[in-house]
Protein backbone atom coordinates (compact mmCIF):
# COMPACT_ATOMS: atom_id res chain seq x y z
CA UNK A 1 0.00 0.00 0.00
CA UNK A 2 1.19 3.52 -0.85
CA UNK A 3 1.03 5.83 2.18
CA UNK A 4 2.16 9.35 3.08
CA UNK A 5 5.24 9.52 5.28
CA UNK A 6 3.81 10.30 8.77
CA UNK A 7 6.98 12.14 9.79
CA UNK A 8 5.59 15.07 7.78
CA UNK A 9 3.17 17.39 9.57
CA UNK A 10 0.38 17.12 7.00
CA UNK A 11 0.13 13.34 7.39
CA UNK A 12 0.74 13.32 11.15
CA UNK A 13 -1.94 15.95 11.66
CA UNK A 14 -4.53 13.86 9.77
CA UNK A 15 -3.80 10.90 12.04
CA UNK A 16 -4.19 12.78 15.30
CA UNK A 17 -7.34 14.60 14.18
CA UNK A 18 -9.05 11.21 14.09
CA UNK A 19 -9.96 10.52 17.73
CA UNK A 20 -9.99 6.72 17.36
CA UNK A 21 -6.56 6.73 15.76
CA UNK A 22 -5.19 9.22 18.30
CA UNK A 23 -6.43 7.01 21.18
CA UNK A 24 -4.90 3.93 19.54
CA UNK A 25 -1.56 5.68 18.93
CA UNK A 26 -1.33 7.06 22.48
CA UNK A 27 -2.52 3.83 24.12
CA UNK A 28 -0.14 1.65 22.10
CA UNK A 29 2.94 3.76 22.81
CA UNK A 30 2.10 4.23 26.50
CA UNK A 31 0.91 0.61 26.85
CA UNK A 32 -2.25 1.73 28.62
CA UNK A 33 -6.00 1.89 28.12
CA UNK A 34 -7.14 5.32 26.94
CA UNK A 35 -10.60 5.93 28.38
CA UNK A 36 -11.05 9.47 27.06
CA UNK A 37 -8.99 11.79 24.88
CA UNK A 38 -9.71 15.45 24.07
CA UNK A 39 -7.68 17.89 21.97
CA UNK A 40 -6.59 21.01 23.83
CA UNK A 41 -3.69 22.52 21.83
CA UNK A 42 -2.64 22.30 18.22
CA UNK A 43 0.13 24.08 16.36
CA UNK A 44 1.46 23.50 12.87
CA UNK A 45 4.92 24.01 11.39
CA UNK A 46 4.91 26.96 9.02
CA UNK A 47 5.53 30.69 8.80
CA UNK A 48 2.44 32.62 9.77
CA UNK A 49 1.49 36.15 8.68
CA UNK A 50 3.78 37.63 11.33
CA UNK A 51 6.74 35.65 10.00
CA UNK A 52 6.96 33.41 13.06
CA UNK A 53 7.94 29.78 12.77
CA UNK A 54 5.58 27.35 14.51
CA UNK A 55 6.02 23.68 15.30
CA UNK A 56 3.39 20.99 14.85
CA UNK A 57 2.27 19.54 18.12
CA UNK A 58 -0.98 18.32 19.60
CA UNK A 59 -1.83 18.14 23.26
CA UNK A 60 -4.61 16.09 24.82
CA UNK A 61 -6.46 16.00 28.08
CA UNK A 62 -6.75 12.28 28.74
CA UNK A 63 -8.12 9.75 31.16
CA UNK A 64 -5.92 6.66 31.11
CA UNK A 65 -5.71 3.37 32.96
CA UNK A 66 -2.36 1.61 33.33
CA UNK A 67 -1.45 -1.84 34.62
CA UNK A 68 0.15 -0.29 37.70
CA UNK A 69 -2.47 2.37 38.48
CA UNK A 70 -6.19 2.96 38.38
CA UNK A 71 -7.73 5.63 36.17
CA UNK A 72 -6.15 9.05 36.31
CA UNK A 73 -6.28 12.29 34.34
CA UNK A 74 -3.14 13.48 32.56
CA UNK A 75 -1.97 15.85 29.86
CA UNK A 76 -0.49 14.05 26.83
CA UNK A 77 1.96 16.27 24.97
CA UNK A 78 2.47 14.84 21.48
CA UNK A 79 5.28 16.55 19.58
CA UNK A 80 6.88 15.62 16.27
CA UNK A 81 10.24 17.00 15.23
CA UNK A 82 11.77 16.20 11.86
CA UNK A 83 15.16 17.66 12.76
CA UNK A 84 17.19 18.39 15.88
CA UNK A 85 16.82 22.11 15.18
CA UNK A 86 13.07 21.88 15.82
CA UNK A 87 13.79 20.72 19.36
CA UNK A 88 16.30 23.52 19.99
CA UNK A 89 13.85 26.16 18.79
CA UNK A 90 10.98 24.92 20.94
CA UNK A 91 12.74 23.51 24.01
CA UNK A 92 11.08 26.09 26.29
CA UNK A 93 7.56 24.97 25.40
CA UNK A 94 7.18 22.18 27.98
CA UNK A 95 8.36 24.45 30.79
CA UNK A 96 5.52 26.81 29.91
CA UNK A 97 3.02 23.95 30.07
CA UNK A 98 4.10 23.14 33.63
CA UNK A 99 3.01 26.60 34.67
CA UNK A 100 -0.42 26.30 33.03
CA UNK A 101 -1.28 22.68 33.70
CA UNK A 102 -2.72 21.32 36.94
CA UNK A 103 -2.38 17.71 35.76
CA UNK A 104 0.63 15.39 35.37
CA UNK A 105 2.24 15.65 31.93
CA UNK A 106 3.29 12.70 29.77
CA UNK A 107 5.37 13.65 26.74
CA UNK A 108 5.58 11.67 23.49
CA UNK A 109 8.24 12.71 20.97
CA UNK A 110 8.22 11.39 17.40
CA UNK A 111 11.70 12.17 16.08
CA UNK A 112 12.90 12.23 12.50
CA UNK A 113 16.53 12.11 13.62
CA UNK A 114 18.62 9.83 15.80
CA UNK A 115 19.54 10.35 19.42
CA UNK A 116 22.52 8.54 20.97
CA UNK A 117 20.19 5.81 22.27
CA UNK A 118 20.44 2.82 19.90
CA UNK A 119 16.83 1.62 19.97
CA UNK A 120 13.74 2.58 17.92
CA UNK A 121 11.58 3.51 20.92
CA UNK A 122 12.17 3.98 24.63
CA UNK A 123 10.72 5.60 27.73
CA UNK A 124 12.50 7.86 30.21
CA UNK A 125 10.97 7.63 33.69
CA UNK A 126 11.87 9.91 36.60
CA UNK A 127 13.57 7.98 39.39
CA UNK A 128 12.73 8.82 42.99
CA UNK A 129 15.25 8.16 45.75
CA UNK A 130 15.32 8.59 49.52
CA UNK A 131 18.19 11.02 50.17
CA UNK A 132 19.11 9.37 53.48
CA UNK A 133 18.77 5.67 52.73
CA UNK A 134 19.40 5.92 48.95
CA UNK A 135 16.51 3.50 48.40
CA UNK A 136 14.33 3.81 45.30
CA UNK A 137 10.84 5.13 46.02
CA UNK A 138 7.56 4.47 44.25
CA UNK A 139 5.65 7.76 44.30
CA UNK A 140 2.12 8.55 43.15
CA UNK A 141 1.83 12.02 44.63
CA UNK A 142 -0.07 14.62 42.59
CA UNK A 143 2.30 17.43 43.54
CA UNK A 144 5.42 15.47 42.62
CA UNK A 145 3.91 14.14 39.38
CA UNK A 146 2.99 17.68 38.39
CA UNK A 147 6.62 18.78 38.60
CA UNK A 148 8.17 15.74 36.89
CA UNK A 149 7.13 13.89 33.77
CA UNK A 150 7.56 10.61 31.96
CA UNK A 151 8.73 10.92 28.35
CA UNK A 152 8.41 8.48 25.45
CA UNK A 153 10.70 8.71 22.42
CA UNK A 154 10.22 7.20 18.96
CA UNK A 155 13.22 7.43 16.61
CA UNK A 156 11.83 7.00 13.12
CA UNK A 157 15.21 6.43 11.44
CA UNK A 158 16.00 3.46 13.71
CA UNK A 159 12.73 1.63 13.00
CA UNK A 160 12.80 -1.61 10.99
CA UNK A 161 9.78 -3.35 9.45
CA UNK A 162 8.08 -5.75 11.86
CA UNK A 163 4.53 -7.01 12.43
CA UNK A 164 5.03 -9.11 15.58
CA UNK A 165 2.96 -6.87 17.85
CA UNK A 166 0.64 -3.87 17.51
CA UNK A 167 3.48 -1.64 18.69
CA UNK A 168 5.82 -3.14 16.08
CA UNK A 169 3.25 -2.53 13.33
CA UNK A 170 2.60 1.04 14.48
CA UNK A 171 6.31 1.84 14.67
CA UNK A 172 6.86 0.28 11.21
CA UNK A 173 4.48 2.84 9.74
CA UNK A 174 6.83 5.59 10.96
CA UNK A 175 9.95 3.81 9.62
CA UNK A 176 12.01 5.88 7.19
CA UNK A 177 12.46 3.34 4.40
CA UNK A 178 10.68 1.95 1.30
CA UNK A 179 10.24 5.41 -0.24
CA UNK A 180 8.57 5.69 -3.64
CA UNK A 181 9.11 9.44 -4.13
CA UNK A 182 12.37 11.35 -4.38
CA UNK A 183 11.27 13.85 -1.72
CA UNK A 184 10.51 10.98 0.73
CA UNK A 185 6.95 12.17 1.31
CA UNK A 186 5.43 8.90 0.04
CA UNK A 187 6.43 5.37 0.99
CA UNK A 188 5.28 1.82 0.51
CA UNK A 189 4.01 -0.21 3.45
CA UNK A 190 4.65 -3.77 2.25
CA UNK A 191 3.06 -5.84 5.01
CA UNK A 192 -0.50 -7.16 5.03
CA UNK A 193 -2.14 -6.56 8.41
CA UNK A 194 -5.33 -7.82 10.03
CA UNK A 195 -5.41 -5.35 12.92
CA UNK A 196 -8.38 -2.97 12.30
CA UNK A 197 -6.71 -0.05 14.11
CA UNK A 198 -3.57 -0.36 11.99
CA UNK A 199 -5.73 -0.60 8.85
CA UNK A 200 -7.43 2.68 9.77
CA UNK A 201 -4.05 4.35 10.24
CA UNK A 202 -2.91 3.09 6.84
CA UNK A 203 -6.16 4.16 5.15
CA UNK A 204 -5.73 7.73 6.40
CA UNK A 205 -2.11 7.89 5.25
CA UNK A 206 -3.05 6.36 1.88
CA UNK A 207 -5.65 9.10 1.39
CA UNK A 208 -3.06 11.79 2.16
CA UNK A 209 -0.68 10.20 -0.36
CA UNK A 210 -3.17 10.23 -3.25
CA UNK A 211 -5.46 13.20 -2.50
CA UNK A 212 -4.62 16.23 -4.67
CA UNK A 213 -5.25 18.80 -1.93
CA UNK A 214 -3.22 16.85 0.63
CA UNK A 215 -0.36 16.46 -1.85
CA UNK A 216 -0.35 20.23 -2.35
CA UNK A 217 -0.10 20.69 1.43
CA UNK A 218 2.84 18.27 1.51
CA UNK A 219 4.58 20.27 -1.23
CA UNK A 220 4.04 23.45 0.79
CA UNK A 221 5.47 21.80 3.88
CA UNK A 222 8.61 20.79 1.98
CA UNK A 223 8.93 24.39 0.78
CA UNK A 224 8.72 25.65 4.38
CA UNK A 225 11.24 23.06 5.57
CA UNK A 226 13.69 24.06 2.84
CA UNK A 227 13.20 27.67 3.85
CA UNK A 228 13.82 26.84 7.51
CA UNK A 229 16.93 24.86 6.53
CA UNK A 230 18.30 27.86 4.64
CA UNK A 231 17.63 30.14 7.63
CA UNK A 232 18.49 27.91 10.59
CA UNK A 233 20.13 24.73 9.32
CA UNK A 234 23.77 25.78 9.61
CA UNK A 235 23.08 27.51 12.93
CA UNK A 236 21.48 24.37 14.34
CA UNK A 237 24.38 22.20 13.21
CA UNK A 238 26.84 24.62 14.81
CA UNK A 239 24.85 24.55 18.05
CA UNK A 240 24.98 20.76 18.04
CA UNK A 241 28.75 20.82 17.38
CA UNK A 242 29.35 23.37 20.13
CA UNK A 243 27.28 21.28 22.54
CA UNK A 244 29.44 18.21 21.84
CA UNK A 245 32.65 20.24 22.17
CA UNK A 246 31.41 21.82 25.40
CA UNK A 247 30.67 18.39 26.86
CA UNK A 248 34.10 17.12 25.77
CA UNK A 249 35.79 20.14 27.35
CA UNK A 250 33.81 19.53 30.52
CA UNK A 251 35.04 15.94 30.66
CA UNK A 252 38.63 17.06 30.01
CA UNK A 253 38.29 19.63 32.78
CA UNK A 254 37.01 16.99 35.19
CA UNK A 255 39.93 14.70 34.35
CA UNK A 256 42.42 17.56 34.74
CA UNK A 257 40.91 18.56 38.09
CA UNK A 258 41.11 14.96 39.28
CA UNK A 259 44.76 14.65 38.22
CA UNK A 260 45.57 17.96 39.89
CA UNK A 261 43.84 16.84 43.08
CA UNK A 262 45.84 13.59 43.05
CA UNK A 263 49.11 15.50 42.59
CA UNK A 264 48.17 17.93 45.38
CA UNK A 265 47.39 15.10 47.78
CA UNK A 266 50.60 13.18 46.97
CA UNK A 267 52.65 16.35 47.38
CA UNK A 268 50.90 17.23 50.63
CA UNK A 269 51.53 13.73 52.01
CA UNK A 270 55.24 13.92 51.17
CA UNK A 271 55.58 17.37 52.73
CA UNK A 272 53.66 16.26 55.82
CA UNK A 273 55.97 13.28 56.27
CA UNK A 274 58.92 15.67 55.93
CA UNK A 275 57.59 17.72 58.84
CA UNK A 276 56.55 20.79 56.85
CA UNK A 277 53.88 22.90 58.57
CA UNK A 278 50.26 22.87 57.43
CA UNK A 279 50.48 26.57 56.54
CA UNK A 280 53.50 26.01 54.26
CA UNK A 281 51.89 22.96 52.66
CA UNK A 282 48.75 25.00 51.95
CA UNK A 283 50.81 27.74 50.31
CA UNK A 284 52.73 25.20 48.21
CA UNK A 285 49.79 23.07 47.05
CA UNK A 286 46.84 25.46 47.04
CA UNK A 287 44.94 23.12 49.37
CA UNK A 288 43.05 24.36 52.40
CA UNK A 289 44.30 23.58 55.94
CA UNK A 290 41.14 21.52 56.49
CA UNK A 291 41.88 19.38 53.44
CA UNK A 292 45.47 18.87 54.57
CA UNK A 293 44.36 17.85 58.09
CA UNK A 294 42.21 15.07 56.58
CA UNK A 295 45.21 13.49 54.83
């Protein structure tokens, strides 16, 4: 079957506007039962009349039921980013939602680029620890959950075709392979599936791939992305490079500080054995008298 590539906003938007599909997508990724799902925020990637760049996202007010917990209300933040630059430009968004929301937030990120984690999909859960005993805690406190959030990540470029489970089939639809168009907006989904929810997802994406109006919207989206690339692409790549270099310098600094501390301690020990006063050792090594006393 020919389908539109769901990593593009036009196709992704059509999926999430269908409530049944949105509930299936959220429930399958979160591995929970979605009792109720309502749209509360939507934003689409383009330049508006004021020349501002906007990112496609859709937020839901949801009632879910997990294996570990009974029903509870949450905010589902669904965000799709085709490039790392999208994340840099909108990294402050979630912090703003914490201020407005009175419910726990669960974030789902559909990424068109690879992170350093070598797996197609994973979840990052906040860990809670007793500061005194260092024991892990299981917390279901509304106040704590409001200030921390669980995040799910799907890396489209790491996905390989599989139909073993519903999650495998859903992820396969987002896989970045089997393209039938040079611009990678249309792909072939080779597998035959019996799952009715997956069939509905495929039917929507097939419509986007062949509908004239939807195709025009896809062409416009590519135009906007090319424009964004020309404006921000090099800047984003530089930011990513500087981030890596900064982290490397930080590690080098830590190693240097550790080596310096080792040299200071060895020198202080030798001077102490030689009967040199604490004051003189401090002046020679740069260590504090308290640090020297502990040696």
